[in-house]
Amino acid sequence: MKNRDLVDVREAGRLSGLNPSTIYRIAREGRLRSFRVLGRALRFERSDLLALARERTVEPKSSDTDKADSFTGKHE
């Protein structure tokens, strides 16, 4: 059996930068794996949360002209 580094929702929020209620919601939606311990409490795998945090910090790419226009406030 693989040893998992599981954390509670409070630590999950700290690692991902998300509110605990958001953590529960995305787990319920199936976008984040969760593990039930002691029949009730949910735990989350640290590596999944770190991946989620990386996804949240990646900004969509845009063209250089879009960046310049948004910076100056000028639009053609």
Protein backbone atom coordinates (compact mmCIF):
# COMPACT_ATOMS: atom_id res chain seq x y z
CA MET A 1 0.00 0.00 0.00
CA LYS A 2 1.27 3.45 -0.93
CA ASN A 3 1.90 5.89 1.90
CA ARG A 4 -0.01 9.08 1.25
CA ASP A 5 0.76 12.49 2.67
CA LEU A 6 -2.78 13.47 3.65
CA VAL A 7 -3.78 16.81 5.15
CA ASP A 8 -6.98 18.18 6.67
CA VAL A 9 -9.07 20.93 5.09
CA ARG A 10 -7.35 23.69 7.07
CA GLU A 11 -3.90 22.68 5.79
CA ALA A 12 -5.40 22.10 2.32
CA GLY A 13 -6.56 25.71 2.30
CA ARG A 14 -3.17 26.96 3.35
CA LEU A 15 -1.39 24.95 0.66
CA SER A 16 -3.76 25.84 -2.16
CA GLY A 17 -4.68 29.39 -1.16
CA LEU A 18 -8.38 28.46 -1.23
CA ASN A 19 -11.09 28.84 1.36
CA PRO A 20 -12.03 25.53 3.08
CA SER A 21 -15.57 25.76 1.70
CA THR A 22 -14.09 25.98 -1.81
CA ILE A 23 -11.92 22.93 -1.10
CA TYR A 24 -15.02 20.96 -0.08
CA ARG A 25 -16.93 22.14 -3.16
CA ILE A 26 -14.27 21.18 -5.70
CA ALA A 27 -13.84 17.82 -3.94
CA ARG A 28 -17.59 17.24 -4.15
CA GLU A 29 -17.49 18.15 -7.86
CA GLY A 30 -14.79 15.51 -8.37
CA ARG A 31 -12.08 17.97 -9.35
CA LEU A 32 -9.99 17.16 -6.25
CA ARG A 33 -9.47 13.70 -4.79
CA SER A 34 -10.47 13.30 -1.19
CA PHE A 35 -10.17 10.46 1.29
CA ARG A 36 -12.62 9.78 4.09
CA VAL A 37 -10.99 8.90 7.42
CA LEU A 38 -12.65 7.74 10.60
CA GLY A 39 -15.88 7.42 8.66
CA ARG A 40 -16.47 11.15 8.35
CA ALA A 41 -13.51 13.52 8.07
CA LEU A 42 -12.07 14.29 4.64
CA ARG A 43 -8.37 14.40 3.92
CA PHE A 44 -6.60 15.58 0.80
CA GLU A 45 -3.31 14.52 -0.74
CA ARG A 46 -0.62 17.17 -0.42
CA SER A 47 0.66 16.62 -3.98
CA ASP A 48 -2.84 17.20 -5.41
CA LEU A 49 -3.12 20.47 -3.50
CA LEU A 50 0.28 21.69 -4.64
CA ALA A 51 -0.71 20.91 -8.25
CA LEU A 52 -3.96 22.84 -7.72
CA ALA A 53 -2.00 25.81 -6.38
CA ARG A 54 0.31 25.73 -9.44
CA GLU A 55 -2.71 25.70 -11.77
CA ARG A 56 -4.15 28.74 -10.03
CA THR A 57 -0.93 30.76 -10.45
CA VAL A 58 -0.60 30.18 -14.20
CA GLU A 59 -2.08 33.10 -16.08
CA PRO A 60 -3.52 32.75 -19.57
CA LYS A 61 -1.17 33.88 -22.33
CA SER A 62 -2.10 36.89 -24.38
CA SER A 63 -0.37 38.72 -27.19
CA ASP A 64 2.17 41.43 -26.48
CA THR A 65 -0.12 44.08 -27.98
CA ASP A 66 -2.93 43.10 -25.63
CA LYS A 67 -0.56 43.53 -22.69
CA ALA A 68 0.59 46.93 -23.90
CA ASP A 69 -2.97 48.10 -24.52
CA SER A 70 -4.18 46.96 -21.14
CA PHE A 71 -1.24 48.65 -19.44
CA THR A 72 -1.73 52.01 -21.14
CA GLY A 73 -5.49 51.79 -21.16
CA LYS A 74 -5.52 52.48 -24.92
CA HIS A 75 -7.62 50.39 -27.23
CA GLU A 76 -7.74 50.63 -30.98
